[in-house]
Amino acid sequence: MRKTFLAALFLVPCLGSCAIGVGAVAGGLLLQETNDNSVYIGQLNASGATTWAQTKVTLSNLSLKPITVDNEAMKATAEIDDAKVTVECSTYDLNKSEIRVSAKKYMVNNGQIAKMVFDKIVADLGNQR
């Protein structure tokens, strides 16, 4: 009985520390999702259709695997350098469009890959920024 009581006294603080550790990790992931500085957004002097078509071509050229495309939402996802890259296109005016590029590698935001894909799409469009 005495050993059980001592074991319980020892384990209670350890469990509390584990809960604090799990909370800190979850808080860090939540902060990363809400305070994301690794998303690249650009406004382009090209129509939404042109930007969307070039985005799909560029992602296909960069990815070794097939890309996932949602034409209605103008959203595409590809795997590039083991990262999941998502590109969203939208039209906001006549011959004006916007792209938003984000990347996650091993469940962590990766701004370097997102920037590389963003720059490649803009270059393939003829630098129409």
N, C-alpha and C. Protein backbone atom coordinates (compact mmCIF):
# COMPACT_ATOMS: atom_id res chain seq x y z
N MET A 1 0.83 -1.19 0.00
CA MET A 1 0.00 0.00 0.00
C MET A 1 0.88 1.26 0.00
N ARG A 2 1.93 1.19 0.78
CA ARG A 2 2.80 2.34 0.88
C ARG A 2 3.52 2.62 -0.45
N LYS A 3 3.96 1.53 -1.15
CA LYS A 3 4.63 1.69 -2.43
C LYS A 3 3.67 2.26 -3.47
N THR A 4 2.43 1.84 -3.45
CA THR A 4 1.43 2.37 -4.39
C THR A 4 1.21 3.85 -4.15
N PHE A 5 1.13 4.23 -2.89
CA PHE A 5 0.93 5.64 -2.56
C PHE A 5 2.12 6.49 -3.01
N LEU A 6 3.34 5.99 -2.79
CA LEU A 6 4.54 6.71 -3.22
C LEU A 6 4.61 6.80 -4.75
N ALA A 7 4.24 5.72 -5.42
CA ALA A 7 4.24 5.74 -6.89
C ALA A 7 3.22 6.76 -7.41
N ALA A 8 2.07 6.83 -6.77
CA ALA A 8 1.05 7.80 -7.18
C ALA A 8 1.53 9.23 -6.96
N LEU A 9 2.20 9.48 -5.86
CA LEU A 9 2.74 10.81 -5.60
C LEU A 9 3.80 11.20 -6.63
N PHE A 10 4.54 10.23 -7.12
CA PHE A 10 5.58 10.49 -8.11
C PHE A 10 4.97 10.71 -9.50
N LEU A 11 3.95 9.94 -9.86
CA LEU A 11 3.37 9.99 -11.20
C LEU A 11 2.49 11.22 -11.43
N VAL A 12 1.84 11.72 -10.43
CA VAL A 12 0.93 12.87 -10.61
C VAL A 12 1.68 14.08 -11.16
N PRO A 13 2.82 14.49 -10.62
CA PRO A 13 3.54 15.62 -11.23
C PRO A 13 4.03 15.32 -12.64
N CYS A 14 4.41 14.06 -12.90
CA CYS A 14 4.88 13.71 -14.25
C CYS A 14 3.77 13.84 -15.27
N LEU A 15 2.57 13.41 -14.91
CA LEU A 15 1.43 13.52 -15.83
C LEU A 15 1.10 14.99 -16.09
N GLY A 16 1.20 15.80 -15.07
CA GLY A 16 0.97 17.23 -15.26
C GLY A 16 1.97 17.84 -16.21
N SER A 17 3.23 17.44 -16.11
CA SER A 17 4.26 17.94 -17.01
C SER A 17 4.01 17.50 -18.44
N CYS A 18 3.55 16.28 -18.62
CA CYS A 18 3.23 15.79 -19.97
C CYS A 18 2.10 16.60 -20.57
N ALA A 19 1.10 16.91 -19.78
CA ALA A 19 -0.03 17.71 -20.28
C ALA A 19 0.44 19.10 -20.68
N ILE A 20 1.32 19.68 -19.92
CA ILE A 20 1.86 20.99 -20.26
C ILE A 20 2.66 20.91 -21.55
N GLY A 21 3.45 19.85 -21.72
CA GLY A 21 4.24 19.67 -22.94
C GLY A 21 3.35 19.51 -24.16
N VAL A 22 2.30 18.71 -24.05
CA VAL A 22 1.36 18.53 -25.16
C VAL A 22 0.67 19.85 -25.48
N GLY A 23 0.30 20.59 -24.47
CA GLY A 23 -0.34 21.90 -24.70
C GLY A 23 0.59 22.87 -25.40
N ALA A 24 1.87 22.84 -25.04
CA ALA A 24 2.84 23.74 -25.67
C ALA A 24 3.02 23.39 -27.15
N VAL A 25 3.09 22.11 -27.46
CA VAL A 25 3.23 21.68 -28.86
C VAL A 25 2.00 22.08 -29.66
N ALA A 26 0.81 21.83 -29.11
CA ALA A 26 -0.42 22.20 -29.80
C ALA A 26 -0.50 23.71 -29.99
N GLY A 27 -0.10 24.46 -29.00
CA GLY A 27 -0.09 25.92 -29.11
C GLY A 27 0.87 26.40 -30.18
N GLY A 28 2.02 25.75 -30.28
CA GLY A 28 3.00 26.11 -31.31
C GLY A 28 2.46 25.84 -32.71
N LEU A 29 1.78 24.71 -32.90
CA LEU A 29 1.19 24.41 -34.21
C LEU A 29 0.06 25.37 -34.53
N LEU A 30 -0.75 25.72 -33.55
CA LEU A 30 -1.83 26.67 -33.77
C LEU A 30 -1.28 28.04 -34.12
N LEU A 31 -0.23 28.47 -33.44
CA LEU A 31 0.39 29.75 -33.74
C LEU A 31 0.94 29.76 -35.16
N GLN A 32 1.52 28.65 -35.58
CA GLN A 32 2.07 28.58 -36.93
C GLN A 32 0.96 28.69 -37.97
N GLU A 33 -0.18 28.10 -37.70
CA GLU A 33 -1.29 28.17 -38.65
C GLU A 33 -1.90 29.56 -38.72
N THR A 34 -1.99 30.24 -37.61
CA THR A 34 -2.63 31.55 -37.59
C THR A 34 -1.67 32.69 -37.89
N ASN A 35 -0.40 32.48 -37.68
CA ASN A 35 0.61 33.53 -37.86
C ASN A 35 1.57 33.10 -38.97
N ASP A 36 1.01 32.81 -40.15
CA ASP A 36 1.78 32.18 -41.21
C ASP A 36 2.44 33.23 -42.09
N ASN A 37 3.77 33.25 -42.09
CA ASN A 37 4.50 34.17 -42.95
C ASN A 37 5.18 33.44 -44.09
N SER A 38 4.78 32.21 -44.34
CA SER A 38 5.38 31.44 -45.42
C SER A 38 4.42 31.23 -46.58
N VAL A 39 3.39 32.05 -46.65
CA VAL A 39 2.45 32.02 -47.77
C VAL A 39 2.78 33.19 -48.68
N TYR A 40 2.97 32.90 -49.95
CA TYR A 40 3.33 33.94 -50.91
C TYR A 40 2.12 34.28 -51.75
N ILE A 41 1.76 35.56 -51.75
CA ILE A 41 0.60 36.06 -52.48
C ILE A 41 1.08 37.11 -53.46
N GLY A 42 0.61 37.01 -54.69
CA GLY A 42 1.02 37.98 -55.70
C GLY A 42 -0.14 38.35 -56.60
N GLN A 43 -0.21 39.62 -56.96
CA GLN A 43 -1.20 40.10 -57.91
C GLN A 43 -0.53 40.22 -59.27
N LEU A 44 -1.14 39.64 -60.27
CA LEU A 44 -0.54 39.53 -61.59
C LEU A 44 -1.37 40.27 -62.64
N ASN A 45 -0.70 40.76 -63.66
CA ASN A 45 -1.37 41.43 -64.78
C ASN A 45 -1.67 40.41 -65.87
N ALA A 46 -2.43 39.42 -65.52
CA ALA A 46 -2.85 38.38 -66.46
C ALA A 46 -4.26 37.95 -66.06
N SER A 47 -5.01 37.47 -67.01
CA SER A 47 -6.37 37.03 -66.70
C SER A 47 -6.32 35.81 -65.78
N GLY A 48 -7.42 35.59 -65.10
CA GLY A 48 -7.49 34.44 -64.20
C GLY A 48 -7.34 33.13 -64.96
N ALA A 49 -7.90 33.05 -66.16
CA ALA A 49 -7.81 31.82 -66.96
C ALA A 49 -6.36 31.55 -67.36
N THR A 50 -5.65 32.59 -67.77
CA THR A 50 -4.25 32.44 -68.17
C THR A 50 -3.39 32.03 -66.97
N THR A 51 -3.60 32.69 -65.85
CA THR A 51 -2.83 32.38 -64.64
C THR A 51 -3.11 30.96 -64.18
N TRP A 52 -4.37 30.56 -64.21
CA TRP A 52 -4.75 29.23 -63.76
C TRP A 52 -4.14 28.16 -64.68
N ALA A 53 -4.21 28.37 -65.96
CA ALA A 53 -3.65 27.40 -66.91
C ALA A 53 -2.13 27.27 -66.72
N GLN A 54 -1.45 28.39 -66.56
CA GLN A 54 0.01 28.35 -66.38
C GLN A 54 0.39 27.74 -65.04
N THR A 55 -0.42 27.98 -64.03
CA THR A 55 -0.16 27.39 -62.71
C THR A 55 -0.18 25.87 -62.79
N LYS A 56 -1.17 25.32 -63.47
CA LYS A 56 -1.26 23.86 -63.60
C LYS A 56 -0.07 23.30 -64.37
N VAL A 57 0.34 23.99 -65.44
CA VAL A 57 1.50 23.54 -66.23
C VAL A 57 2.77 23.58 -65.38
N THR A 58 2.97 24.68 -64.66
CA THR A 58 4.18 24.82 -63.84
C THR A 58 4.23 23.76 -62.75
N LEU A 59 3.11 23.54 -62.06
CA LEU A 59 3.08 22.52 -61.01
C LEU A 59 3.35 21.14 -61.59
N SER A 60 2.79 20.85 -62.75
CA SER A 60 3.03 19.55 -63.39
C SER A 60 4.50 19.37 -63.73
N ASN A 61 5.15 20.44 -64.18
CA ASN A 61 6.56 20.36 -64.52
C ASN A 61 7.46 20.20 -63.29
N LEU A 62 7.05 20.78 -62.17
CA LEU A 62 7.87 20.72 -60.96
C LEU A 62 7.68 19.43 -60.17
N SER A 63 6.52 18.80 -60.31
CA SER A 63 6.19 17.63 -59.51
C SER A 63 6.48 16.34 -60.28
N LEU A 64 6.98 15.35 -59.57
CA LEU A 64 7.21 14.04 -60.17
C LEU A 64 5.95 13.19 -60.15
N LYS A 65 4.97 13.58 -59.35
CA LYS A 65 3.71 12.85 -59.22
C LYS A 65 2.59 13.67 -59.85
N PRO A 66 1.46 13.04 -60.15
CA PRO A 66 0.33 13.80 -60.70
C PRO A 66 -0.17 14.84 -59.68
N ILE A 67 -0.66 15.95 -60.18
CA ILE A 67 -1.17 16.99 -59.30
C ILE A 67 -2.67 16.80 -59.11
N THR A 68 -3.19 17.33 -58.01
CA THR A 68 -4.61 17.31 -57.72
C THR A 68 -5.17 18.68 -58.07
N VAL A 69 -6.23 18.71 -58.89
CA VAL A 69 -6.76 19.97 -59.40
C VAL A 69 -8.24 20.08 -59.09
N ASP A 70 -8.65 21.25 -58.61
CA ASP A 70 -10.06 21.61 -58.45
C ASP A 70 -10.31 22.83 -59.34
N ASN A 71 -10.81 22.59 -60.55
CA ASN A 71 -10.97 23.68 -61.51
C ASN A 71 -11.99 24.72 -61.08
N GLU A 72 -13.04 24.30 -60.37
CA GLU A 72 -14.06 25.26 -59.94
C GLU A 72 -13.51 26.23 -58.91
N ALA A 73 -12.71 25.74 -58.00
CA ALA A 73 -12.13 26.59 -56.96
C ALA A 73 -10.80 27.19 -57.40
N MET A 74 -10.30 26.79 -58.57
CA MET A 74 -8.99 27.19 -59.07
C MET A 74 -7.92 26.95 -58.00
N LYS A 75 -7.88 25.69 -57.55
CA LYS A 75 -6.94 25.29 -56.50
C LYS A 75 -6.25 24.00 -56.94
N ALA A 76 -4.93 23.99 -56.82
CA ALA A 76 -4.16 22.81 -57.20
C ALA A 76 -3.17 22.46 -56.09
N THR A 77 -2.94 21.16 -55.94
CA THR A 77 -2.01 20.66 -54.94
C THR A 77 -1.03 19.70 -55.62
N ALA A 78 0.23 19.85 -55.28
CA ALA A 78 1.27 18.99 -55.85
C ALA A 78 2.28 18.64 -54.78
N GLU A 79 3.00 17.55 -55.01
CA GLU A 79 4.10 17.18 -54.12
C GLU A 79 5.40 17.55 -54.80
N ILE A 80 6.13 18.49 -54.19
CA ILE A 80 7.39 18.97 -54.75
C ILE A 80 8.44 18.91 -53.64
N ASP A 81 9.51 18.20 -53.88
CA ASP A 81 10.59 18.03 -52.89
C ASP A 81 10.05 17.54 -51.55
N ASP A 82 9.18 16.55 -51.58
CA ASP A 82 8.56 15.97 -50.38
C ASP A 82 7.68 16.95 -49.63
N ALA A 83 7.30 18.05 -50.24
CA ALA A 83 6.42 19.02 -49.59
C ALA A 83 5.09 19.06 -50.34
N LYS A 84 4.03 19.28 -49.59
CA LYS A 84 2.71 19.45 -50.19
C LYS A 84 2.54 20.94 -50.49
N VAL A 85 2.49 21.27 -51.78
CA VAL A 85 2.39 22.65 -52.23
C VAL A 85 0.97 22.88 -52.72
N THR A 86 0.36 23.95 -52.23
CA THR A 86 -0.99 24.31 -52.63
C THR A 86 -0.96 25.69 -53.27
N VAL A 87 -1.58 25.80 -54.45
CA VAL A 87 -1.67 27.07 -55.16
C VAL A 87 -3.14 27.37 -55.41
N GLU A 88 -3.55 28.57 -55.04
CA GLU A 88 -4.91 29.03 -55.29
C GLU A 88 -4.86 30.26 -56.18
N CYS A 89 -5.70 30.28 -57.19
CA CYS A 89 -5.77 31.41 -58.11
C CYS A 89 -7.14 32.06 -57.99
N SER A 90 -7.18 33.35 -58.23
CA SER A 90 -8.46 34.06 -58.25
C SER A 90 -8.35 35.25 -59.19
N THR A 91 -9.50 35.67 -59.68
CA THR A 91 -9.57 36.85 -60.54
C THR A 91 -10.20 37.96 -59.73
N TYR A 92 -9.58 39.14 -59.74
CA TYR A 92 -10.16 40.24 -58.98
C TYR A 92 -10.52 41.44 -59.85
N ASP A 93 -10.13 41.45 -61.12
CA ASP A 93 -10.48 42.52 -62.04
C ASP A 93 -10.24 42.02 -63.46
N LEU A 94 -10.59 42.81 -64.45
CA LEU A 94 -10.36 42.43 -65.82
C LEU A 94 -8.85 42.33 -66.07
N ASN A 95 -8.41 41.17 -66.53
CA ASN A 95 -7.00 40.88 -66.77
C ASN A 95 -6.11 41.10 -65.54
N LYS A 96 -6.67 40.85 -64.38
CA LYS A 96 -5.93 40.92 -63.12
C LYS A 96 -6.25 39.65 -62.33
N SER A 97 -5.22 39.02 -61.83
CA SER A 97 -5.42 37.80 -61.04
C SER A 97 -4.48 37.79 -59.85
N GLU A 98 -4.75 36.86 -58.97
CA GLU A 98 -3.96 36.73 -57.75
C GLU A 98 -3.65 35.26 -57.53
N ILE A 99 -2.43 34.97 -57.12
CA ILE A 99 -2.09 33.61 -56.75
C ILE A 99 -1.61 33.60 -55.30
N ARG A 100 -1.89 32.48 -54.66
CA ARG A 100 -1.48 32.28 -53.27
C ARG A 100 -0.82 30.91 -53.19
N VAL A 101 0.45 30.88 -52.78
CA VAL A 101 1.22 29.65 -52.75
C VAL A 101 1.65 29.35 -51.32
N SER A 102 1.38 28.14 -50.88
CA SER A 102 1.83 27.70 -49.55
C SER A 102 2.42 26.30 -49.69
N ALA A 103 3.30 25.95 -48.76
CA ALA A 103 3.93 24.62 -48.79
C ALA A 103 4.12 24.11 -47.37
N LYS A 104 3.95 22.81 -47.22
CA LYS A 104 4.20 22.15 -45.94
C LYS A 104 5.06 20.93 -46.19
N LYS A 105 6.13 20.84 -45.43
CA LYS A 105 7.01 19.68 -45.51
C LYS A 105 7.11 19.08 -44.12
N TYR A 106 6.76 17.81 -44.00
CA TYR A 106 6.74 17.11 -42.72
C TYR A 106 5.85 17.85 -41.71
N MET A 107 4.69 18.31 -42.19
CA MET A 107 3.66 19.00 -41.39
C MET A 107 4.13 20.34 -40.84
N VAL A 108 5.18 20.91 -41.40
CA VAL A 108 5.68 22.21 -40.98
C VAL A 108 5.69 23.13 -42.20
N ASN A 109 5.23 24.35 -42.03
CA ASN A 109 5.23 25.30 -43.14
C ASN A 109 6.64 25.49 -43.67
N ASN A 110 6.74 25.56 -45.00
CA ASN A 110 8.05 25.68 -45.64
C ASN A 110 8.01 26.84 -46.62
N GLY A 111 8.46 28.00 -46.19
CA GLY A 111 8.44 29.19 -47.02
C GLY A 111 9.40 29.14 -48.18
N GLN A 112 10.49 28.41 -48.03
CA GLN A 112 11.50 28.34 -49.10
C GLN A 112 10.92 27.66 -50.34
N ILE A 113 10.23 26.55 -50.16
CA ILE A 113 9.63 25.85 -51.29
C ILE A 113 8.48 26.66 -51.86
N ALA A 114 7.67 27.28 -50.99
CA ALA A 114 6.56 28.12 -51.48
C ALA A 114 7.09 29.27 -52.32
N LYS A 115 8.16 29.89 -51.89
CA LYS A 115 8.75 31.00 -52.65
C LYS A 115 9.29 30.53 -53.99
N MET A 116 9.93 29.37 -54.00
CA MET A 116 10.47 28.82 -55.25
C MET A 116 9.35 28.56 -56.26
N VAL A 117 8.24 27.98 -55.81
CA VAL A 117 7.12 27.70 -56.70
C VAL A 117 6.47 29.00 -57.16
N PHE A 118 6.30 29.94 -56.24
CA PHE A 118 5.73 31.24 -56.59
C PHE A 118 6.57 31.93 -57.66
N ASP A 119 7.88 31.98 -57.44
CA ASP A 119 8.77 32.63 -58.41
C ASP A 119 8.74 31.94 -59.77
N LYS A 120 8.63 30.61 -59.77
CA LYS A 120 8.60 29.86 -61.03
C LYS A 120 7.30 30.15 -61.79
N ILE A 121 6.18 30.22 -61.10
CA ILE A 121 4.91 30.53 -61.77
C ILE A 121 4.97 31.92 -62.38
N VAL A 122 5.45 32.88 -61.61
CA VAL A 122 5.56 34.27 -62.11
C VAL A 122 6.50 34.33 -63.31
N ALA A 123 7.62 33.63 -63.25
CA ALA A 123 8.57 33.63 -64.36
C ALA A 123 7.94 32.98 -65.60
N ASP A 124 7.21 31.89 -65.40
CA ASP A 124 6.57 31.23 -66.54
C ASP A 124 5.48 32.09 -67.17
N LEU A 125 4.89 32.95 -66.39
CA LEU A 125 3.88 33.88 -66.92
C LEU A 125 4.53 35.08 -67.60
N GLY A 126 5.81 35.17 -67.57
CA GLY A 126 6.51 36.29 -68.21
C GLY A 126 6.64 37.49 -67.29
N ASN A 127 6.76 37.24 -65.99
CA ASN A 127 6.93 38.31 -65.00
C ASN A 127 5.86 39.40 -65.12
N GLN A 128 4.63 39.01 -65.19
CA GLN A 128 3.53 39.96 -65.36
C GLN A 128 3.04 40.50 -64.02
N ARG A 129 3.93 40.84 -63.14
CA ARG A 129 3.54 41.36 -61.82
C ARG A 129 3.37 42.85 -61.86
